[in-house]
Amino acid sequence: MSQKPLAFRMRPNHINEIIGQQHLVNEGKTIQRMVKANRLASMILFGPPGTGKTSMAIALAKSLTLPYKVLNAVTDKKKDMEIAVEEAKMHGQLVLILDEVHRLDKAKQDFLLPHLESNTLTLIGCTTSNPYHSINPAIRSRCHLFELYRLTESEIKEALQRAMTDQVQGLGHLTLELTDDAMTHFAQSANGDLRSALNGLELAAFSTPENEKGQISIGLEIAEECMQKKSFSHDKDGDAHYDVLSAFQKSIRGSDVNAALHYLGRLIEAGDLDSIGRRLVVIAYEDIGLANPQAGPRALSAIESAERLGFPEARIPLAVAVTELALSPKSNSAYKALDSALADIRKGKSGEVPSHLKDSHYKGAEKLGRGADYKYPHNYENGWVSQQYLPDSIKDRSYYEPKATGKFEQALKQVFEKISKHKPR
């Protein structure tokens, strides 16, 4: 029996053996069409850990019976790539499978580009990063981009069952018995990462003694022990982190408190209190705004409390803040109004400040007409008087469009509409 890990041994030898990623390998899908046409193009496979990027790359090469070489953009040197090119020239073609392709430095990239252009090498790059963020455009433009998704619970169960019955590469030589609860725990706690699930199963199989019947019986307790290492994948500097932050804000904006708390939980598991705090302040003013003006100060207070408490207690004020923000009425009217004003200014629509509004606090200002005819609002009933404030060229522009999503902005809306009726024309 090979000493290589189970996850390595169970890699597919043909794309028809791939579990999951049906959007790429099903009949009629792009990867399947490449194999049927016997024409492999350079590509970047990207997606979360354990989704089978390198496995798919190797399966592709094997499906087309093409020679291949697996290198790592970080640990392997330019010399290794030179050797790959020599092998490609010897064979007529070579599939270069390059892990961590987003870490490819300029020297290696410059060396590879002409060989990709001439099709001496067919590159299959594998990365957990979003290629639009992390892959150099010169490489990216020469490759098709394919995203791999986390495996579903049922797909992971299928892979585990295959590993348990495979007599050659899997654990079929053992008499394994998994309870339904154990199987479900392996599949669920892997969080879409097949490698993690297979590693857990292998650890359970070889660390559990046989019973009197010669069977290795794996129940829920053993499965939990063998999956102790959290498989929750959340790199604070990676694309998945920003996806979660985006989903967090959009869930609060959409008033889905359950989803908001779920994504908060993921950010807490990642231990990223700074990002949570920054995002909550933005949400309070961007998405709730004038519909609930006290949401901003209260969110800031909750963040300060969380920072003082630290985890795990920090989750308590954060939960309160997120629940309030999610269930608050929503309004983006204030900052959208400012954006409209900024758009005019950037287009050159500004104009001269009206003379009656100009600074008059200096000697000679009166002779220049600065501040003349200015009406001091506090001298009038209700502290308001009709006069022009915008420059002449844009005096009829209106930026603020009030929403009636909360009592506070409803009151502002009434004031705004009343004033608008009496604006000078």
Protein backbone atom coordinates (compact mmCIF):
# COMPACT_ATOMS: atom_id res chain seq x y z
CA MET A 1 0.00 0.00 0.00
CA SER A 2 1.34 3.43 -0.99
CA GLN A 3 2.31 5.74 1.84
CA LYS A 4 0.88 8.71 -0.04
CA PRO A 5 -2.23 10.30 1.50
CA LEU A 6 -5.63 8.90 0.58
CA ALA A 7 -6.63 12.19 -1.04
CA PHE A 8 -3.62 11.92 -3.37
CA ARG A 9 -4.24 8.25 -4.18
CA MET A 10 -7.90 8.85 -5.01
CA ARG A 11 -7.22 11.49 -7.65
CA PRO A 12 -9.20 10.69 -10.82
CA ASN A 13 -7.44 9.32 -13.90
CA HIS A 14 -10.09 10.56 -16.32
CA ILE A 15 -12.46 13.49 -16.30
CA ASN A 16 -15.40 11.05 -16.22
CA GLU A 17 -14.21 10.06 -12.72
CA ILE A 18 -14.34 13.62 -11.40
CA ILE A 19 -16.85 14.16 -8.61
CA GLY A 20 -18.57 17.54 -8.67
CA GLN A 21 -17.77 20.41 -11.08
CA GLN A 22 -20.53 19.19 -13.39
CA HIS A 23 -20.73 22.67 -14.92
CA LEU A 24 -17.35 21.90 -16.51
CA VAL A 25 -17.22 18.14 -17.07
CA ASN A 26 -20.80 17.12 -17.83
CA GLU A 27 -21.73 16.13 -21.37
CA GLY A 28 -21.64 19.18 -23.60
CA LYS A 29 -19.72 21.33 -21.10
CA THR A 30 -16.46 23.06 -21.98
CA ILE A 31 -13.91 20.66 -20.44
CA GLN A 32 -15.76 17.62 -21.80
CA ARG A 33 -15.83 19.21 -25.27
CA MET A 34 -12.07 19.83 -25.12
CA VAL A 35 -11.45 16.15 -24.40
CA LYS A 36 -13.78 14.97 -27.15
CA ALA A 37 -12.15 17.33 -29.64
CA ASN A 38 -8.71 16.16 -28.46
CA ARG A 39 -7.61 19.78 -28.18
CA LEU A 40 -6.44 21.07 -24.83
CA ALA A 41 -6.09 24.84 -24.41
CA SER A 42 -4.16 26.66 -21.69
CA MET A 43 -6.36 27.48 -18.72
CA ILE A 44 -6.51 28.73 -15.15
CA LEU A 45 -8.51 26.64 -12.69
CA PHE A 46 -9.46 28.67 -9.62
CA GLY A 47 -11.55 27.94 -6.56
CA PRO A 48 -11.44 27.16 -2.82
CA PRO A 49 -9.01 24.58 -1.37
CA GLY A 50 -9.95 20.94 -1.79
CA THR A 51 -12.18 21.42 -4.84
CA GLY A 52 -9.93 19.33 -7.09
CA LYS A 53 -8.06 21.86 -9.21
CA THR A 54 -4.80 19.91 -9.50
CA SER A 55 -6.72 16.64 -9.71
CA MET A 56 -8.76 17.97 -12.63
CA ALA A 57 -5.61 19.19 -14.36
CA ILE A 58 -3.95 15.78 -14.07
CA ALA A 59 -7.16 14.01 -15.13
CA LEU A 60 -7.32 16.23 -18.21
CA ALA A 61 -3.77 15.35 -19.24
CA LYS A 62 -4.41 11.67 -18.64
CA SER A 63 -7.73 11.75 -20.51
CA LEU A 64 -5.88 13.00 -23.58
CA THR A 65 -2.83 10.77 -22.93
CA LEU A 66 -0.59 13.82 -22.91
CA PRO A 67 2.69 13.98 -20.99
CA TYR A 68 2.46 16.33 -18.03
CA LYS A 69 4.63 17.84 -15.33
CA VAL A 70 3.42 19.31 -12.02
CA LEU A 71 5.36 22.30 -10.69
CA ASN A 72 4.77 24.94 -8.05
CA ALA A 73 5.18 28.60 -8.98
CA VAL A 74 6.66 29.37 -5.56
CA THR A 75 8.97 26.49 -4.72
CA ASP A 76 10.11 25.40 -8.18
CA LYS A 77 12.75 27.46 -9.92
CA LYS A 78 13.06 28.82 -13.44
CA LYS A 79 15.50 25.94 -14.09
CA ASP A 80 12.66 23.46 -13.46
CA MET A 81 10.59 25.25 -16.07
CA GLU A 82 13.49 25.13 -18.53
CA ILE A 83 13.60 21.35 -18.02
CA ALA A 84 9.83 21.22 -18.67
CA VAL A 85 10.33 23.05 -21.98
CA GLU A 86 13.08 20.60 -23.01
CA GLU A 87 10.74 17.69 -22.20
CA ALA A 88 7.98 19.39 -24.23
CA LYS A 89 10.29 19.69 -27.23
CA MET A 90 11.24 16.03 -26.86
CA HIS A 91 7.61 14.87 -26.68
CA GLY A 92 6.27 17.45 -29.10
CA GLN A 93 3.93 18.82 -26.41
CA LEU A 94 3.72 18.95 -22.62
CA VAL A 95 1.01 19.95 -20.17
CA LEU A 96 2.58 22.09 -17.46
CA ILE A 97 0.41 21.97 -14.33
CA LEU A 98 1.44 24.95 -12.24
CA ASP A 99 0.15 25.15 -8.66
CA GLU A 100 0.02 28.57 -6.95
CA VAL A 101 0.11 30.15 -10.39
CA HIS A 102 -0.82 33.55 -8.91
CA ARG A 103 2.63 33.60 -7.27
CA LEU A 104 4.47 33.39 -10.59
CA ASP A 105 7.26 35.99 -10.56
CA LYS A 106 8.20 38.14 -13.55
CA ALA A 107 11.30 36.16 -14.53
CA LYS A 108 9.40 32.86 -14.68
CA GLN A 109 6.48 34.52 -16.42
CA ASP A 110 8.70 36.10 -19.09
CA PHE A 111 10.32 32.72 -19.68
CA LEU A 112 6.98 30.90 -20.07
CA LEU A 113 5.14 33.37 -22.32
CA PRO A 114 6.84 32.56 -25.66
CA HIS A 115 6.43 28.82 -25.05
CA LEU A 116 2.71 29.33 -24.39
CA GLU A 117 2.47 31.42 -27.56
CA SER A 118 4.09 28.68 -29.64
CA ASN A 119 2.00 26.00 -27.89
CA THR A 120 5.16 24.14 -26.90
CA LEU A 121 3.65 24.15 -23.42
CA THR A 122 -0.02 23.93 -22.51
CA LEU A 123 -0.40 25.62 -19.15
CA ILE A 124 -2.96 24.58 -16.57
CA GLY A 125 -2.57 26.98 -13.67
CA CYS A 126 -4.21 26.23 -10.34
CA THR A 127 -4.97 28.85 -7.71
CA THR A 128 -7.30 29.65 -4.82
CA SER A 129 -7.19 33.35 -5.78
CA ASN A 130 -9.46 35.24 -8.12
CA PRO A 131 -7.45 35.40 -11.37
CA TYR A 132 -8.84 38.83 -12.21
CA HIS A 133 -7.22 40.11 -9.02
CA SER A 134 -4.07 38.06 -8.81
CA ILE A 135 -2.94 36.71 -12.19
CA ASN A 136 -0.77 38.91 -14.37
CA PRO A 137 -2.80 40.04 -17.44
CA ALA A 138 -0.12 38.74 -19.81
CA ILE A 139 -0.69 35.19 -18.51
CA ARG A 140 -4.42 35.59 -17.98
CA SER A 141 -5.07 36.76 -21.54
CA ARG A 142 -3.53 33.56 -22.89
CA CYS A 143 -5.68 31.25 -20.78
CA HIS A 144 -9.29 30.23 -20.42
CA LEU A 145 -10.59 30.81 -16.89
CA PHE A 146 -12.64 28.12 -15.16
CA GLU A 147 -14.02 28.40 -11.63
CA LEU A 148 -14.36 25.29 -9.46
CA TYR A 149 -16.99 25.24 -6.72
CA ARG A 150 -17.02 23.74 -3.25
CA LEU A 151 -18.38 20.21 -3.32
CA THR A 152 -21.85 19.60 -1.96
CA GLU A 153 -22.47 17.31 0.99
CA SER A 154 -23.83 14.58 -1.29
CA GLU A 155 -20.79 14.83 -3.60
CA ILE A 156 -18.41 14.47 -0.66
CA LYS A 157 -20.36 11.46 0.56
CA GLU A 158 -20.04 9.93 -2.91
CA ALA A 159 -16.26 10.47 -2.83
CA LEU A 160 -15.98 8.98 0.67
CA GLN A 161 -17.98 5.92 -0.39
CA ARG A 162 -15.73 5.50 -3.41
CA ALA A 163 -12.61 5.70 -1.21
CA MET A 164 -14.02 3.11 1.22
CA THR A 165 -14.69 0.58 -1.53
CA ASP A 166 -11.65 1.10 -3.77
CA GLN A 167 -9.47 -1.98 -3.29
CA VAL A 168 -6.40 -0.59 -5.06
CA GLN A 169 -5.98 3.07 -4.15
CA GLY A 170 -8.57 3.45 -1.41
CA LEU A 171 -9.48 1.77 1.86
CA GLY A 172 -11.33 -1.18 0.34
CA HIS A 173 -8.84 -3.64 1.85
CA LEU A 174 -10.14 -2.65 5.29
CA THR A 175 -13.47 -3.69 6.74
CA LEU A 176 -14.82 -0.22 7.41
CA GLU A 177 -18.20 0.52 8.88
CA LEU A 178 -19.35 4.15 9.07
CA THR A 179 -22.53 5.12 10.82
CA ASP A 180 -24.80 7.53 8.93
CA ASP A 181 -24.03 10.21 11.53
CA ALA A 182 -20.28 9.78 11.04
CA MET A 183 -20.57 9.95 7.26
CA THR A 184 -22.69 13.09 7.52
CA HIS A 185 -20.22 14.69 9.93
CA PHE A 186 -17.27 14.05 7.60
CA ALA A 187 -19.22 15.53 4.70
CA GLN A 188 -20.63 18.55 6.52
CA SER A 189 -17.62 19.58 8.58
CA ALA A 190 -15.37 19.52 5.50
CA ASN A 191 -17.24 22.60 4.28
CA GLY A 192 -16.91 21.61 0.62
CA ASP A 193 -13.22 20.63 0.92
CA LEU A 194 -12.91 17.03 -0.29
CA ARG A 195 -9.27 16.76 0.73
CA SER A 196 -10.22 17.57 4.32
CA ALA A 197 -12.96 14.92 4.35
CA LEU A 198 -10.66 12.23 2.91
CA ASN A 199 -7.91 13.12 5.37
CA GLY A 200 -10.40 12.80 8.23
CA LEU A 201 -11.65 9.44 6.99
CA GLU A 202 -8.09 8.12 6.58
CA LEU A 203 -7.14 9.22 10.08
CA ALA A 204 -10.25 7.55 11.50
CA ALA A 205 -9.58 4.32 9.59
CA PHE A 206 -5.97 3.94 10.73
CA SER A 207 -6.37 5.21 14.29
CA THR A 208 -9.37 3.06 15.20
CA PRO A 209 -8.64 -0.50 16.36
CA GLU A 210 -10.60 -3.41 14.93
CA ASN A 211 -13.38 -4.86 17.03
CA GLU A 212 -13.74 -8.55 17.85
CA LYS A 213 -15.30 -9.16 14.42
CA GLY A 214 -12.29 -7.66 12.65
CA GLN A 215 -14.26 -4.57 11.70
CA ILE A 216 -13.24 -0.92 12.01
CA SER A 217 -16.35 0.76 13.28
CA ILE A 218 -16.42 4.54 12.99
CA GLY A 219 -19.17 6.41 14.77
CA LEU A 220 -19.96 10.08 15.23
CA GLU A 221 -17.60 10.56 18.19
CA ILE A 222 -14.60 9.25 16.25
CA ALA A 223 -15.56 11.32 13.21
CA GLU A 224 -15.73 14.44 15.37
CA GLU A 225 -12.31 13.75 16.86
CA CYS A 226 -10.75 13.17 13.45
CA MET A 227 -12.24 16.35 11.98
CA GLN A 228 -11.23 18.46 15.00
CA LYS A 229 -9.13 20.75 12.90
CA LYS A 230 -11.64 23.27 11.67
CA SER A 231 -12.07 22.91 7.96
CA PHE A 232 -13.67 26.34 7.80
CA SER A 233 -11.62 27.98 5.07
CA HIS A 234 -11.34 31.72 5.39
CA ASP A 235 -8.08 33.43 4.52
CA LYS A 236 -8.30 37.02 5.77
CA ASP A 237 -6.19 38.16 2.82
CA GLY A 238 -7.93 36.01 0.20
CA ASP A 239 -10.85 36.49 -2.17
CA ALA A 240 -13.19 34.35 -0.04
CA HIS A 241 -12.83 36.88 2.77
CA TYR A 242 -14.06 39.72 0.60
CA ASP A 243 -16.87 37.56 -0.73
CA VAL A 244 -18.06 36.97 2.84
CA LEU A 245 -17.78 40.68 3.69
CA SER A 246 -19.77 41.51 0.57
CA ALA A 247 -22.46 38.95 1.44
CA PHE A 248 -22.49 40.28 5.02
CA GLN A 249 -23.28 43.84 3.93
CA LYS A 250 -25.76 42.78 1.25
CA SER A 251 -27.64 40.59 3.73
CA ILE A 252 -27.98 43.50 6.16
CA ARG A 253 -28.99 45.82 3.32
CA GLY A 254 -31.57 43.23 2.28
CA SER A 255 -32.92 43.01 5.86
CA ASP A 256 -32.20 39.27 6.09
CA VAL A 257 -31.16 39.04 9.72
CA ASN A 258 -30.55 35.28 9.57
CA ALA A 259 -28.12 35.56 6.66
CA ALA A 260 -26.46 38.59 8.26
CA LEU A 261 -25.83 36.65 11.48
CA HIS A 262 -24.55 33.67 9.49
CA TYR A 263 -21.94 35.78 7.70
CA LEU A 264 -21.10 37.54 10.96
CA GLY A 265 -20.41 34.09 12.40
CA ARG A 266 -18.04 33.29 9.54
CA LEU A 267 -16.15 36.54 10.07
CA ILE A 268 -15.96 35.83 13.81
CA GLU A 269 -14.62 32.33 13.12
CA ALA A 270 -11.94 33.99 10.99
CA GLY A 271 -11.16 36.24 13.99
CA ASP A 272 -11.38 39.41 11.91
CA LEU A 273 -12.79 41.98 14.32
CA ASP A 274 -11.25 44.89 12.38
CA SER A 275 -13.09 44.11 9.15
CA ILE A 276 -16.35 43.52 11.01
CA GLY A 277 -16.04 46.91 12.72
CA ARG A 278 -15.21 48.82 9.55
CA ARG A 279 -18.01 47.19 7.60
CA LEU A 280 -20.64 47.83 10.30
CA VAL A 281 -19.82 51.55 10.40
CA VAL A 282 -20.09 51.74 6.61
CA ILE A 283 -23.40 49.86 6.65
CA ALA A 284 -24.86 52.10 9.36
CA TYR A 285 -24.31 55.21 7.27
CA GLU A 286 -24.51 53.83 3.72
CA ASP A 287 -27.51 51.52 4.00
CA ILE A 288 -29.49 52.71 7.03
CA GLY A 289 -28.57 56.38 6.95
CA LEU A 290 -31.35 58.86 7.66
CA ALA A 291 -33.93 56.08 8.09
CA ASN A 292 -32.43 55.42 11.54
CA PRO A 293 -29.75 58.05 12.30
CA GLN A 294 -28.96 56.58 15.71
CA ALA A 295 -27.86 53.33 14.09
CA GLY A 296 -24.44 54.84 13.34
CA PRO A 297 -23.55 55.92 16.90
CA ARG A 298 -24.98 52.68 18.32
CA ALA A 299 -23.01 50.55 15.85
CA LEU A 300 -19.84 52.43 16.76
CA SER A 301 -20.57 51.91 20.46
CA ALA A 302 -21.06 48.17 19.86
CA ILE A 303 -17.76 47.98 17.96
CA GLU A 304 -15.90 49.79 20.75
CA SER A 305 -17.44 47.41 23.29
CA ALA A 306 -16.44 44.42 21.17
CA GLU A 307 -12.87 45.69 20.88
CA ARG A 308 -12.66 46.20 24.63
CA LEU A 309 -14.11 42.74 25.37
CA GLY A 310 -12.30 40.73 22.70
CA PHE A 311 -13.50 37.32 21.53
CA PRO A 312 -15.48 35.31 22.50
CA GLU A 313 -17.54 37.93 24.40
CA ALA A 314 -17.17 40.43 21.54
CA ARG A 315 -19.75 38.43 19.63
CA ILE A 316 -22.49 39.69 21.99
CA PRO A 317 -22.48 43.43 21.16
CA LEU A 318 -21.78 42.57 17.51
CA ALA A 319 -24.88 40.38 17.38
CA VAL A 320 -26.97 43.22 18.82
CA ALA A 321 -25.60 45.70 16.27
CA VAL A 322 -26.07 43.38 13.30
CA THR A 323 -29.62 42.50 14.31
CA GLU A 324 -30.57 46.18 14.67
CA LEU A 325 -28.96 47.15 11.37
CA ALA A 326 -30.57 44.28 9.49
CA LEU A 327 -34.04 45.09 10.81
CA SER A 328 -33.75 48.88 10.56
CA PRO A 329 -35.49 50.76 7.75
CA LYS A 330 -33.06 51.50 4.93
CA SER A 331 -32.14 54.76 3.19
CA ASN A 332 -29.19 55.75 1.03
CA SER A 333 -30.66 59.15 0.18
CA ALA A 334 -28.04 61.30 1.95
CA TYR A 335 -24.90 59.90 0.37
CA LYS A 336 -26.60 59.47 -3.03
CA ALA A 337 -27.50 63.16 -2.91
CA LEU A 338 -23.85 64.00 -2.21
CA ASP A 339 -22.72 61.75 -5.06
CA SER A 340 -25.04 63.65 -7.42
CA ALA A 341 -23.58 66.97 -6.24
CA LEU A 342 -20.04 65.64 -6.69
CA ALA A 343 -20.90 64.43 -10.19
CA ASP A 344 -21.96 67.97 -11.16
CA ILE A 345 -18.83 69.48 -9.65
CA ARG A 346 -16.58 67.03 -11.51
CA LYS A 347 -18.31 67.92 -14.77
CA GLY A 348 -17.54 71.58 -14.17
CA LYS A 349 -21.07 72.48 -13.10
CA SER A 350 -20.33 74.70 -10.13
CA GLY A 351 -20.69 78.39 -10.90
CA GLU A 352 -20.07 81.52 -8.85
CA VAL A 353 -21.09 81.63 -5.20
CA PRO A 354 -23.99 84.14 -4.96
CA SER A 355 -22.75 87.54 -3.73
CA HIS A 356 -25.09 87.61 -0.74
CA LEU A 357 -23.50 84.36 0.54
CA LYS A 358 -19.88 85.45 0.17
CA ASP A 359 -17.72 86.19 3.20
CA SER A 360 -18.28 89.71 4.50
CA HIS A 361 -16.10 89.57 7.62
CA TYR A 362 -13.35 91.85 6.40
CA LYS A 363 -12.87 95.55 5.77
CA GLY A 364 -14.06 96.62 2.32
CA ALA A 365 -16.29 93.61 1.80
CA GLU A 366 -19.40 95.79 1.75
CA LYS A 367 -18.00 97.98 -1.03
CA LEU A 368 -17.51 94.80 -3.11
CA GLY A 369 -21.10 93.75 -2.48
CA ARG A 370 -20.02 90.77 -0.40
CA GLY A 371 -22.82 89.60 1.87
CA ALA A 372 -25.16 92.40 0.78
CA ASP A 373 -28.87 91.54 0.97
CA TYR A 374 -28.18 88.36 2.92
CA LYS A 375 -31.23 87.36 4.95
CA TYR A 376 -30.36 85.92 8.36
CA PRO A 377 -32.79 82.96 8.79
CA HIS A 378 -32.93 83.25 12.59
CA ASN A 379 -34.57 86.65 12.20
CA TYR A 380 -37.59 85.03 10.53
CA GLU A 381 -40.48 82.91 11.76
CA ASN A 382 -39.55 79.23 12.14
CA GLY A 383 -35.91 80.12 11.39
CA TRP A 384 -36.38 80.00 7.63
CA VAL A 385 -36.63 82.52 4.79
CA SER A 386 -36.74 82.04 1.06
CA GLN A 387 -33.50 83.00 -0.68
CA GLN A 388 -31.13 81.54 -3.29
CA TYR A 389 -28.18 79.48 -2.10
CA LEU A 390 -27.01 77.61 -5.22
CA PRO A 391 -25.00 79.41 -7.93
CA ASP A 392 -27.07 80.93 -10.74
CA SER A 393 -25.97 78.34 -13.29
CA ILE A 394 -27.38 75.43 -11.25
CA LYS A 395 -29.93 77.21 -9.06
CA ASP A 396 -32.70 74.76 -10.01
CA ARG A 397 -30.69 71.59 -9.36
CA SER A 398 -32.07 69.18 -6.76
CA TYR A 399 -29.86 66.43 -5.39
CA TYR A 400 -31.66 65.10 -2.34
CA GLU A 401 -34.48 62.62 -2.97
CA PRO A 402 -35.95 61.72 0.42
CA LYS A 403 -37.24 58.28 1.22
CA ALA A 404 -40.09 57.58 3.62
CA THR A 405 -38.56 54.45 5.15
CA GLY A 406 -38.29 55.66 8.74
CA LYS A 407 -39.97 58.20 10.99
CA PHE A 408 -36.93 60.48 11.02
CA GLU A 409 -36.63 60.72 7.26
CA GLN A 410 -40.38 60.98 6.88
CA ALA A 411 -40.15 64.16 8.97
CA LEU A 412 -37.20 65.38 6.87
CA LYS A 413 -39.21 64.66 3.73
CA GLN A 414 -42.05 66.89 4.91
CA VAL A 415 -39.66 69.76 5.69
CA PHE A 416 -37.85 69.31 2.36
CA GLU A 417 -41.08 69.33 0.35
CA LYS A 418 -42.41 72.37 2.20
CA ILE A 419 -39.18 74.33 1.60
CA SER A 420 -39.02 73.23 -2.05
CA LYS A 421 -42.44 74.79 -2.71
CA HIS A 422 -41.17 78.19 -1.56
CA LYS A 423 -37.75 78.18 -3.22
CA PRO A 424 -37.07 81.34 -5.27
CA ARG A 425 -37.43 80.77 -9.01
